[in-house]
């Protein structure tokens, strides 16, 4: 593979290179975030237009999370092997193609397949972004850099929510995917021009780990979603059982592999292991909350996608403004206190959301979202800095991929568990009617479904308590950072 057209990454990175890498990775974060939030708000509209039920249309989210969860670590490794800039640019291109195909979908099956293509590209972008930042920023500057990466994510989430409501209401849901085309083209052009070449590391693809991990997650998710949508039966219960049985098989395969897909041995290193687990549990406990709020606002309260989006924007806006400032604080005082504080704030917001009723003043939603926004803007730059500071230049891609895998894995199970818990409170037809935005469910049925949402939110809060305890228990980070500060691949 030729490296023509890409600037080399030898010696200390200049300020212009740092700024270019930061801008491109933030754009990637923004693009992926736009698509994640924009799809959630459009789900009821897409389901109606494509004549799809709950179990079908929910896979437009789950297939994306499933594929990114299984690919991100391996993609991070490919970045170490083949060059991170090449994988990152290819990811943008694949993501853009998948977006266009999603917008052209005429059936739920077509849309799910197109989202699969999109997920492959998203995995590349998500896995490599953190490694590219670690390549050019020394340890004492990474907090600020990851703060801007979180800023890009929050801005993308804001645009996704706002554009999701506006575009779905005014133009139709297909255009929520078509907007990625100009962004993707611009990102690939910038990446080819500015992203640096990084040294390549000899390693190999973990086929055994990839197959068992994918089979376990796919079987678990399929069984759980089918059980939530249609009720438990022999088939979906068998899928759940097979998935659970494959998890210890995967662990054994990884522990016996000298170059595993997920280096489970690394979790024994307290600072790295606890930081990774805190990120996983934060995703598990928090990242389906916007999905639950969408069911509450559109299903139970009868709001349009646009009006629902306007209530969710303030929190993301605060998160976007908080992240860069908090990133600078991380560089000064370390990640432990700030990461833990961020989780505690998110937990408080989730508990507050659980008190919403069928007649609550809707102004409480944006007020509570301000609390969660500060939490998100505080946690991500701190925790990502703690993780990447434990990597070396040779393993930036692998560690960044592992972080992304655990985050996606937590998000995937977050949606599965939240949907299952919320749907269990009422009959399946009613759960589907609420999800699809049917109004007039404010009587006993609406109250029952609201109880399910509350239980799911409180369960999320419990998970966040454990995440906060792990975050604090990781201990203080070494003050000297990692060898990246003197490496030939970084500053």
Protein backbone atom coordinates (compact mmCIF):
# COMPACT_ATOMS: atom_id res chain seq x y z
CA UNK A 1 0.00 0.00 0.00
CA UNK A 2 1.41 3.32 -1.02
CA UNK A 3 1.70 6.16 1.42
CA UNK A 4 1.72 8.86 -1.25
CA UNK A 5 -0.31 11.88 -0.44
CA UNK A 6 -0.05 11.56 3.32
CA UNK A 7 2.38 13.59 5.40
CA UNK A 8 4.79 11.56 7.51
CA UNK A 9 4.57 11.48 11.28
CA UNK A 10 8.25 11.74 12.16
CA UNK A 11 9.50 13.84 15.02
CA UNK A 12 7.49 16.18 17.18
CA UNK A 13 4.15 17.15 15.72
CA UNK A 14 3.76 20.81 14.81
CA UNK A 15 0.88 22.88 16.08
CA UNK A 16 -0.64 22.93 12.59
CA UNK A 17 -0.55 19.14 12.39
CA UNK A 18 -2.06 18.79 15.83
CA UNK A 19 -4.84 21.18 14.92
CA UNK A 20 -5.49 19.39 11.64
CA UNK A 21 -5.70 15.97 13.29
CA UNK A 22 -7.90 17.35 16.05
CA UNK A 23 -10.24 18.98 13.52
CA UNK A 24 -10.54 15.83 11.40
CA UNK A 25 -11.09 13.47 14.33
CA UNK A 26 -13.61 15.87 15.85
CA UNK A 27 -15.41 15.94 12.50
CA UNK A 28 -15.48 12.14 12.56
CA UNK A 29 -16.86 12.16 16.08
CA UNK A 30 -19.48 14.71 15.02
CA UNK A 31 -20.52 12.67 11.99
CA UNK A 32 -20.96 9.43 13.93
CA UNK A 33 -22.84 11.26 16.70
CA UNK A 34 -25.19 12.95 14.23
CA UNK A 35 -26.21 9.58 12.86
CA UNK A 36 -26.69 7.96 16.26
CA UNK A 37 -29.11 10.54 17.66
CA UNK A 38 -30.82 11.39 14.38
CA UNK A 39 -31.88 7.77 13.87
CA UNK A 40 -33.40 7.41 17.34
CA UNK A 41 -35.79 10.31 16.85
CA UNK A 42 -36.80 9.10 13.39
CA UNK A 43 -37.48 5.48 14.37
CA UNK A 44 -41.26 5.82 14.81
CA UNK A 45 -41.56 7.62 11.45
CA UNK A 46 -39.36 5.07 9.67
CA UNK A 47 -41.35 2.20 11.16
CA UNK A 48 -44.61 3.63 9.88
CA UNK A 49 -43.28 4.44 6.41
CA UNK A 50 -41.65 1.03 5.93
CA UNK A 51 -44.57 -0.84 7.56
CA UNK A 52 -42.17 -2.41 10.04
CA UNK A 53 -42.85 -3.62 13.57
CA UNK A 54 -40.87 -2.94 16.71
CA UNK A 55 -38.63 -5.99 16.44
CA UNK A 56 -37.69 -5.11 12.86
CA UNK A 57 -37.09 -1.39 13.08
CA UNK A 58 -35.14 -1.58 16.35
CA UNK A 59 -32.52 -3.55 14.45
CA UNK A 60 -31.63 -0.42 12.53
CA UNK A 61 -30.00 0.66 15.81
CA UNK A 62 -28.90 -2.73 17.10
CA UNK A 63 -27.20 -3.92 13.91
CA UNK A 64 -25.10 -0.76 13.94
CA UNK A 65 -24.12 -1.28 17.58
CA UNK A 66 -23.55 -5.01 17.11
CA UNK A 67 -21.20 -4.60 14.16
CA UNK A 68 -19.26 -1.73 15.70
CA UNK A 69 -18.93 -3.65 18.97
CA UNK A 70 -17.42 -6.67 17.21
CA UNK A 71 -15.24 -4.78 14.73
CA UNK A 72 -13.72 -1.89 16.63
CA UNK A 73 -10.90 -3.78 18.34
CA UNK A 74 -9.94 -5.60 15.16
CA UNK A 75 -10.15 -2.38 13.18
CA UNK A 76 -7.90 -0.70 15.75
CA UNK A 77 -5.44 -3.52 15.21
CA UNK A 78 -5.66 -3.08 11.45
CA UNK A 79 -4.79 0.57 12.02
CA UNK A 80 -1.64 -0.51 13.85
CA UNK A 81 -0.84 -2.96 11.02
CA UNK A 82 -1.70 -0.97 7.89
CA UNK A 83 -1.57 2.66 8.97
CA UNK A 84 -4.19 4.50 10.98
CA UNK A 85 -4.76 7.26 8.46
CA UNK A 86 -5.65 4.76 5.72
CA UNK A 87 -8.15 2.92 7.91
CA UNK A 88 -9.66 6.19 9.16
CA UNK A 89 -10.13 7.61 5.66
CA UNK A 90 -11.55 4.33 4.39
CA UNK A 91 -13.95 4.36 7.32
CA UNK A 92 -15.27 7.77 6.32
CA UNK A 93 -15.81 6.56 2.75
CA UNK A 94 -17.61 3.37 3.77
CA UNK A 95 -19.74 5.25 6.30
CA UNK A 96 -20.80 7.72 3.62
CA UNK A 97 -21.72 4.95 1.16
CA UNK A 98 -23.76 3.19 3.87
CA UNK A 99 -25.54 6.46 4.64
CA UNK A 100 -26.61 6.94 1.03
CA UNK A 101 -27.82 3.34 0.82
CA UNK A 102 -29.80 3.82 4.04
CA UNK A 103 -31.55 6.83 2.58
CA UNK A 104 -32.51 4.78 -0.49
CA UNK A 105 -33.98 1.88 1.51
CA UNK A 106 -37.47 0.73 0.53
CA UNK A 107 -37.90 -2.00 3.14
CA UNK A 108 -36.81 -2.54 6.73
CA UNK A 109 -34.53 -5.38 5.57
CA UNK A 110 -32.83 -3.10 3.03
CA UNK A 111 -32.39 -0.42 5.70
CA UNK A 112 -30.87 -2.88 8.16
CA UNK A 113 -28.44 -4.12 5.49
CA UNK A 114 -27.47 -0.54 4.60
CA UNK A 115 -26.96 0.29 8.26
CA UNK A 116 -24.61 -2.69 8.41
CA UNK A 117 -22.44 -1.09 5.75
CA UNK A 118 -22.58 2.17 7.64
CA UNK A 119 -21.55 0.38 10.83
CA UNK A 120 -18.37 -0.99 9.24
CA UNK A 121 -17.30 2.54 8.38
CA UNK A 122 -18.38 3.84 11.77
CA UNK A 123 -16.24 1.20 13.48
CA UNK A 124 -13.19 2.40 11.58
CA UNK A 125 -13.77 6.04 12.45
CA UNK A 126 -14.67 5.34 16.08
CA UNK A 127 -11.78 2.98 16.73
CA UNK A 128 -8.98 5.01 15.14
CA UNK A 129 -9.87 8.56 16.22
CA UNK A 130 -8.45 8.25 19.73
CA UNK A 131 -5.28 6.60 18.42
CA UNK A 132 -4.66 9.44 15.97
CA UNK A 133 -4.92 11.96 18.80
CA UNK A 134 -2.52 9.91 20.94
CA UNK A 135 -0.11 9.82 17.98
CA UNK A 136 0.35 13.58 17.80
CA UNK A 137 -0.49 14.90 21.27
CA UNK A 138 1.84 14.29 24.24
CA UNK A 139 0.33 12.92 27.44
CA UNK A 140 0.07 16.33 29.12
CA UNK A 141 -2.03 17.72 26.25
CA UNK A 142 -4.39 14.81 25.62
CA UNK A 143 -7.05 15.90 28.08
CA UNK A 144 -7.64 19.06 26.06
CA UNK A 145 -7.59 17.09 22.81
CA UNK A 146 -10.08 14.52 24.05
CA UNK A 147 -12.18 17.39 25.35
CA UNK A 148 -12.50 18.70 21.81
CA UNK A 149 -13.27 15.17 20.59
CA UNK A 150 -16.11 15.07 23.12
CA UNK A 151 -17.09 18.55 21.94
CA UNK A 152 -17.42 17.18 18.42
CA UNK A 153 -19.57 14.33 19.69
CA UNK A 154 -21.86 16.67 21.63
CA UNK A 155 -22.23 19.09 18.74
CA UNK A 156 -23.02 16.14 16.49
CA UNK A 157 -25.61 14.91 18.95
CA UNK A 158 -27.17 18.38 19.03
CA UNK A 159 -27.26 18.56 15.25
CA UNK A 160 -28.63 15.02 15.10
CA UNK A 161 -31.44 15.80 17.49
CA UNK A 162 -32.26 19.15 15.93
CA UNK A 163 -31.90 18.03 12.34
CA UNK A 164 -33.64 14.76 13.12
CA UNK A 165 -36.72 16.62 14.28
CA UNK A 166 -36.64 19.26 11.53
CA UNK A 167 -35.73 16.99 8.62
CA UNK A 168 -38.05 14.13 9.61
CA UNK A 169 -40.94 16.56 10.03
CA UNK A 170 -40.27 18.75 6.97
CA UNK A 171 -38.53 16.54 4.39
CA UNK A 172 -38.86 12.94 5.49
CA UNK A 173 -36.60 10.49 7.28
CA UNK A 174 -34.50 9.57 4.23
CA UNK A 175 -32.75 12.91 4.30
CA UNK A 176 -31.36 12.22 7.77
CA UNK A 177 -28.98 9.85 5.99
CA UNK A 178 -28.37 11.92 2.87
CA UNK A 179 -26.90 14.79 4.92
CA UNK A 180 -23.86 12.59 5.59
CA UNK A 181 -22.84 12.69 1.92
CA UNK A 182 -21.25 16.19 1.84
CA UNK A 183 -19.75 15.71 5.31
CA UNK A 184 -18.19 12.39 4.32
CA UNK A 185 -16.73 13.70 1.06
CA UNK A 186 -15.18 16.69 2.83
CA UNK A 187 -13.79 14.50 5.63
CA UNK A 188 -12.10 12.06 3.23
CA UNK A 189 -10.52 14.93 1.29
CA UNK A 190 -9.19 16.51 4.48
CA UNK A 191 -7.98 13.18 5.86
CA UNK A 192 -6.03 12.33 2.72
CA UNK A 193 -4.31 15.69 2.87
CA UNK A 194 -3.56 16.12 6.58
CA UNK A 195 -3.56 12.86 8.54
CA UNK A 196 -0.01 11.64 9.30
CA UNK A 197 1.55 8.34 8.40
CA UNK A 198 2.17 6.17 11.46
CA UNK A 199 4.57 3.23 11.87
CA UNK A 200 3.06 -0.17 11.15
CA UNK A 201 3.08 -2.97 13.68
CA UNK A 202 3.25 -6.65 12.76
CA UNK A 203 0.29 -8.53 14.26
CA UNK A 204 -2.48 -10.85 13.09
CA UNK A 205 -6.24 -11.02 12.88
CA UNK A 206 -7.89 -12.96 15.74
CA UNK A 207 -10.36 -15.06 13.72
CA UNK A 208 -11.34 -17.38 16.58
CA UNK A 209 -12.06 -14.50 18.96
CA UNK A 210 -13.93 -12.54 16.29
CA UNK A 211 -16.19 -15.48 15.38
CA UNK A 212 -17.05 -16.46 18.97
CA UNK A 213 -17.55 -12.84 20.06
CA UNK A 214 -19.79 -12.04 17.09
CA UNK A 215 -21.81 -15.23 17.52
CA UNK A 216 -22.30 -14.62 21.26
CA UNK A 217 -23.44 -11.01 20.83
CA UNK A 218 -25.60 -11.72 17.80
CA UNK A 219 -27.35 -14.65 19.45
CA UNK A 220 -27.92 -12.76 22.72
CA UNK A 221 -29.29 -9.66 21.03
CA UNK A 222 -31.54 -11.52 18.62
CA UNK A 223 -33.02 -13.67 21.36
CA UNK A 224 -33.56 -10.77 23.76
CA UNK A 225 -35.18 -8.47 21.17
CA UNK A 226 -37.45 -11.22 19.82
CA UNK A 227 -38.50 -12.08 23.37
CA UNK A 228 -39.27 -8.41 24.08
CA UNK A 229 -41.26 -8.00 20.86
CA UNK A 230 -43.15 -11.30 20.67
CA UNK A 231 -42.77 -12.90 24.07
CA UNK A 232 -40.41 -15.67 25.17
CA UNK A 233 -40.53 -18.95 23.27
CA UNK A 234 -38.25 -21.91 22.73
CA UNK A 235 -36.39 -20.28 19.82
CA UNK A 236 -35.51 -16.94 21.33
CA UNK A 237 -34.73 -18.45 24.73
CA UNK A 238 -32.40 -20.91 23.00
CA UNK A 239 -30.66 -17.98 21.27
CA UNK A 240 -30.12 -16.26 24.62
CA UNK A 241 -28.80 -19.49 26.13
CA UNK A 242 -26.41 -20.05 23.21
CA UNK A 243 -25.14 -16.50 23.48
CA UNK A 244 -24.51 -16.83 27.20
CA UNK A 245 -22.78 -20.18 26.68
CA UNK A 246 -20.47 -18.72 24.04
CA UNK A 247 -19.22 -15.92 26.30
CA UNK A 248 -16.99 -18.18 28.48
CA UNK A 249 -15.83 -19.91 25.28
CA UNK A 250 -14.76 -16.53 23.97
CA UNK A 251 -12.89 -15.79 27.21
CA UNK A 252 -11.00 -19.10 26.96
CA UNK A 253 -10.14 -18.46 23.30
CA UNK A 254 -8.80 -15.01 24.11
CA UNK A 255 -6.74 -16.11 27.11
CA UNK A 256 -5.07 -18.80 25.01
CA UNK A 257 -4.31 -16.44 22.13
CA UNK A 258 -0.99 -14.62 22.10
CA UNK A 259 -2.55 -11.79 20.06
CA UNK A 260 -6.20 -11.72 21.21
CA UNK A 261 -8.98 -9.56 19.84
CA UNK A 262 -9.65 -8.29 23.36
CA UNK A 263 -6.59 -8.39 25.58
CA UNK A 264 -8.40 -9.47 28.73
CA UNK A 265 -5.06 -9.69 30.54
CA UNK A 266 -4.77 -5.93 30.24
CA UNK A 267 -7.81 -5.58 32.47
CA UNK A 268 -5.66 -6.82 35.36
CA UNK A 269 -3.70 -3.58 35.21
CA UNK A 270 -5.72 -1.57 37.72
CA UNK A 271 -5.65 1.88 36.15
CA UNK A 272 -6.30 0.67 32.60
CA UNK A 273 -8.73 -2.10 33.56
CA UNK A 274 -10.86 0.01 35.87
CA UNK A 275 -10.92 2.88 33.36
CA UNK A 276 -12.09 0.55 30.58
CA UNK A 277 -14.71 -1.06 32.81
CA UNK A 278 -15.93 2.35 33.98
CA UNK A 279 -16.39 3.35 30.33
CA UNK A 280 -18.25 0.11 29.61
CA UNK A 281 -20.61 0.53 32.57
CA UNK A 282 -21.18 4.21 31.79
CA UNK A 283 -22.32 3.19 28.31
CA UNK A 284 -24.44 0.37 29.71
CA UNK A 285 -26.11 2.63 32.24
CA UNK A 286 -26.52 5.85 30.30
CA UNK A 287 -26.53 5.63 26.51
CA UNK A 288 -30.06 4.21 26.13
CA UNK A 289 -31.54 7.04 28.22
CA UNK A 290 -32.25 9.17 25.12
CA UNK A 291 -34.09 6.16 23.65
CA UNK A 292 -36.25 5.87 26.78
CA UNK A 293 -36.90 9.61 26.72
CA UNK A 294 -37.93 9.37 23.07
CA UNK A 295 -40.50 6.70 23.98
CA UNK A 296 -41.71 8.91 26.82
CA UNK A 297 -41.92 12.15 24.82
CA UNK A 298 -43.22 10.80 21.50
CA UNK A 299 -45.08 7.73 22.69
CA UNK A 300 -46.60 8.74 26.02
CA UNK A 301 -46.71 12.53 25.69
CA UNK A 302 -47.55 12.62 21.97
CA UNK A 303 -44.86 15.09 20.89
CA UNK A 304 -43.66 15.37 17.30
CA UNK A 305 -40.03 14.50 16.51
CA UNK A 306 -39.27 18.22 16.22
CA UNK A 307 -40.78 19.19 19.57
CA UNK A 308 -39.15 16.21 21.28
CA UNK A 309 -35.78 17.19 19.82
CA UNK A 310 -36.03 20.74 21.12
CA UNK A 311 -36.39 19.47 24.68
CA UNK A 312 -33.22 17.36 24.44
CA UNK A 313 -30.90 19.94 22.87
CA UNK A 314 -29.91 21.94 26.02
CA UNK A 315 -28.10 19.02 27.64
CA UNK A 316 -26.05 18.26 24.55
CA UNK A 317 -25.22 21.94 24.14
CA UNK A 318 -23.93 22.15 27.71
CA UNK A 319 -21.96 18.95 27.17
CA UNK A 320 -20.34 20.42 24.06
CA UNK A 321 -19.33 23.59 25.90
CA UNK A 322 -18.16 21.73 29.01
CA UNK A 323 -15.93 19.11 27.39
CA UNK A 324 -13.02 21.27 26.13
CA UNK A 325 -12.88 23.22 29.40
CA UNK A 326 -12.94 20.03 31.45
CA UNK A 327 -10.29 18.53 29.18
CA UNK A 328 -7.89 21.28 30.23
CA UNK A 329 -8.72 20.56 33.90
CA UNK A 330 -7.85 16.89 33.28
CA UNK A 331 -4.39 17.88 32.07
CA UNK A 332 -3.87 19.76 35.35
CA UNK A 333 -5.43 17.58 38.06
CA UNK A 334 -5.70 14.15 36.46
CA UNK A 335 -8.69 12.08 35.34
CA UNK A 336 -9.78 10.30 38.52
CA UNK A 337 -11.85 12.99 40.25
CA UNK A 338 -13.37 14.46 37.08
CA UNK A 339 -14.33 11.12 35.52
CA UNK A 340 -16.03 10.03 38.74
CA UNK A 341 -17.80 13.38 39.10
CA UNK A 342 -19.09 13.07 35.54
CA UNK A 343 -20.65 9.66 36.24
CA UNK A 344 -22.24 10.91 39.47
CA UNK A 345 -23.87 13.81 37.60
CA UNK A 346 -25.21 11.49 34.93
CA UNK A 347 -26.57 9.17 37.60
CA UNK A 348 -28.35 12.06 39.29
CA UNK A 349 -29.93 13.06 35.97
CA UNK A 350 -31.15 9.52 35.28
CA UNK A 351 -32.75 9.33 38.73
CA UNK A 352 -34.41 12.72 38.12
CA UNK A 353 -35.80 11.50 34.79
CA UNK A 354 -37.38 8.53 36.58
CA UNK A 355 -39.67 10.94 38.50
CA UNK A 356 -41.34 12.24 35.30
CA UNK A 357 -45.05 11.44 35.15
CA UNK A 358 -47.75 11.52 32.49
CA UNK A 359 -48.63 15.07 33.55
CA UNK A 360 -45.19 16.46 34.47
CA UNK A 361 -44.22 19.88 33.20
CA UNK A 362 -42.15 19.13 30.10
CA UNK A 363 -39.75 21.92 31.04
CA UNK A 364 -38.23 19.51 33.55
CA UNK A 365 -36.70 17.53 30.66
CA UNK A 366 -34.33 20.25 29.38
CA UNK A 367 -33.53 21.30 32.97
CA UNK A 368 -32.49 17.76 33.91
CA UNK A 369 -30.60 17.42 30.63
CA UNK A 370 -28.32 20.29 31.71
CA UNK A 371 -27.13 18.13 34.59
CA UNK A 372 -26.46 15.15 32.37
CA UNK A 373 -24.72 17.39 29.82
CA UNK A 374 -22.19 18.58 32.38
CA UNK A 375 -21.66 14.96 33.40
CA UNK A 376 -21.00 13.82 29.84
CA UNK A 377 -18.68 16.76 29.14
CA UNK A 378 -16.73 15.93 32.29
CA UNK A 379 -16.52 12.14 32.02
CA UNK A 380 -15.45 11.51 28.44
CA UNK A 381 -12.27 13.62 28.20
CA UNK A 382 -11.18 12.41 31.64
CA UNK A 383 -11.78 8.69 31.11
CA UNK A 384 -10.44 8.63 27.55
CA UNK A 385 -7.28 10.38 28.72
CA UNK A 386 -6.82 7.84 31.54
CA UNK A 387 -7.13 4.98 29.04
CA UNK A 388 -4.87 6.30 26.30
CA UNK A 389 -2.18 7.38 28.76
CA UNK A 390 -1.66 3.68 29.55
CA UNK A 391 -1.00 2.79 25.91
CA UNK A 392 2.31 2.95 24.04
CA UNK A 393 2.77 4.22 20.47
CA UNK A 394 2.77 0.63 19.18
CA UNK A 395 -0.58 -0.12 20.83
CA UNK A 396 -2.46 3.16 20.42
CA UNK A 397 -4.76 1.60 17.81
CA UNK A 398 -5.38 -1.59 19.78
CA UNK A 399 -6.14 0.21 23.05
CA UNK A 400 -8.31 2.78 21.29
CA UNK A 401 -10.15 -0.08 19.59
CA UNK A 402 -10.60 -1.90 22.90
CA UNK A 403 -12.03 1.26 24.45
CA UNK A 404 -14.41 1.67 21.52
CA UNK A 405 -15.43 -2.00 21.64
CA UNK A 406 -16.36 -1.86 25.31
CA UNK A 407 -18.22 1.42 24.80
CA UNK A 408 -20.22 -0.02 21.90
CA UNK A 409 -20.80 -3.25 23.79
CA UNK A 410 -22.21 -1.32 26.74
CA UNK A 411 -24.40 0.76 24.43
CA UNK A 412 -25.68 -2.36 22.68
CA UNK A 413 -26.71 -4.10 25.89
CA UNK A 414 -28.06 -0.81 27.22
CA UNK A 415 -30.62 -0.68 24.42
CA UNK A 416 -31.46 -4.38 24.68
CA UNK A 417 -31.99 -4.31 28.45
CA UNK A 418 -33.87 -1.01 28.49
CA UNK A 419 -36.24 -2.11 25.75
CA UNK A 420 -36.81 -5.47 27.42
CA UNK A 421 -37.48 -3.97 30.85
CA UNK A 422 -39.73 -1.18 29.58
CA UNK A 423 -41.73 -3.51 27.32
CA UNK A 424 -42.26 -6.10 30.05
CA UNK A 425 -44.59 -3.77 31.95
CA UNK A 426 -47.42 -3.94 29.38
CA UNK A 427 -48.67 -6.24 26.65
CA UNK A 428 -46.52 -6.45 23.54
CA UNK A 429 -49.04 -4.77 21.20
CA UNK A 430 -49.28 -1.83 23.59
CA UNK A 431 -45.50 -1.60 23.91
CA UNK A 432 -45.21 -1.47 20.13
CA UNK A 433 -47.97 1.15 19.90
CA UNK A 434 -46.17 3.36 22.40
CA UNK A 435 -42.88 2.93 20.61
CA UNK A 436 -44.40 3.82 17.26
CA UNK A 437 -45.78 7.05 18.68
CA UNK A 438 -49.43 6.15 19.15
CA UNK A 439 -51.11 8.75 21.33
CA UNK A 440 -54.01 8.42 23.71
CA UNK A 441 -52.28 5.97 26.04
CA UNK A 442 -52.46 8.15 29.11
CA UNK A 443 -54.81 5.93 31.13
CA UNK A 444 -53.89 2.75 32.95
CA UNK A 445 -51.96 1.45 29.95
CA UNK A 446 -49.86 4.60 29.76
CA UNK A 447 -49.22 4.48 33.50
CA UNK A 448 -48.10 0.86 33.23
CA UNK A 449 -45.69 1.61 30.43
CA UNK A 450 -44.35 4.60 32.31
CA UNK A 451 -43.65 2.27 35.22
CA UNK A 452 -41.56 0.12 32.87
CA UNK A 453 -39.59 3.14 31.72
CA UNK A 454 -38.99 4.15 35.34
CA UNK A 455 -37.73 0.69 36.25
CA UNK A 456 -35.36 0.79 33.27
CA UNK A 457 -34.08 4.24 34.30
CA UNK A 458 -33.53 3.19 37.91
CA UNK A 459 -31.71 0.08 36.70
CA UNK A 460 -29.47 2.37 34.65
CA UNK A 461 -28.81 4.47 37.75
CA UNK A 462 -27.67 1.38 39.69
CA UNK A 463 -25.23 0.51 36.89
CA UNK A 464 -23.86 4.07 37.02
CA UNK A 465 -23.28 3.72 40.78
CA UNK A 466 -21.01 0.74 40.08
CA UNK A 467 -19.30 2.70 37.28
CA UNK A 468 -18.61 5.58 39.67
CA UNK A 469 -17.13 3.23 42.27
CA UNK A 470 -14.84 1.68 39.66
CA UNK A 471 -13.85 5.09 38.36
CA UNK A 472 -12.81 6.26 41.81
CA UNK A 473 -11.14 2.95 42.71
CA UNK A 474 -8.79 3.08 39.74
CA UNK A 475 -6.39 5.27 41.72
CA UNK A 476 -4.42 8.29 40.60
CA UNK A 477 -2.72 8.32 37.20
CA UNK A 478 1.09 8.53 37.06
CA UNK A 479 2.21 12.11 36.66
CA UNK A 480 4.74 11.34 33.95
CA UNK A 481 2.32 10.01 31.35
CA UNK A 482 3.43 7.38 28.81
CA UNK A 483 6.42 7.05 26.50
CA UNK A 484 4.45 8.81 23.76
CA UNK A 485 5.95 12.11 24.87
CA UNK A 486 9.36 11.03 23.63
CA UNK A 487 8.37 8.62 20.91
CA UNK A 488 9.20 9.13 17.27
CA UNK A 489 5.54 8.68 16.39
CA UNK A 490 4.32 11.50 18.56
CA UNK A 491 5.46 14.84 19.90
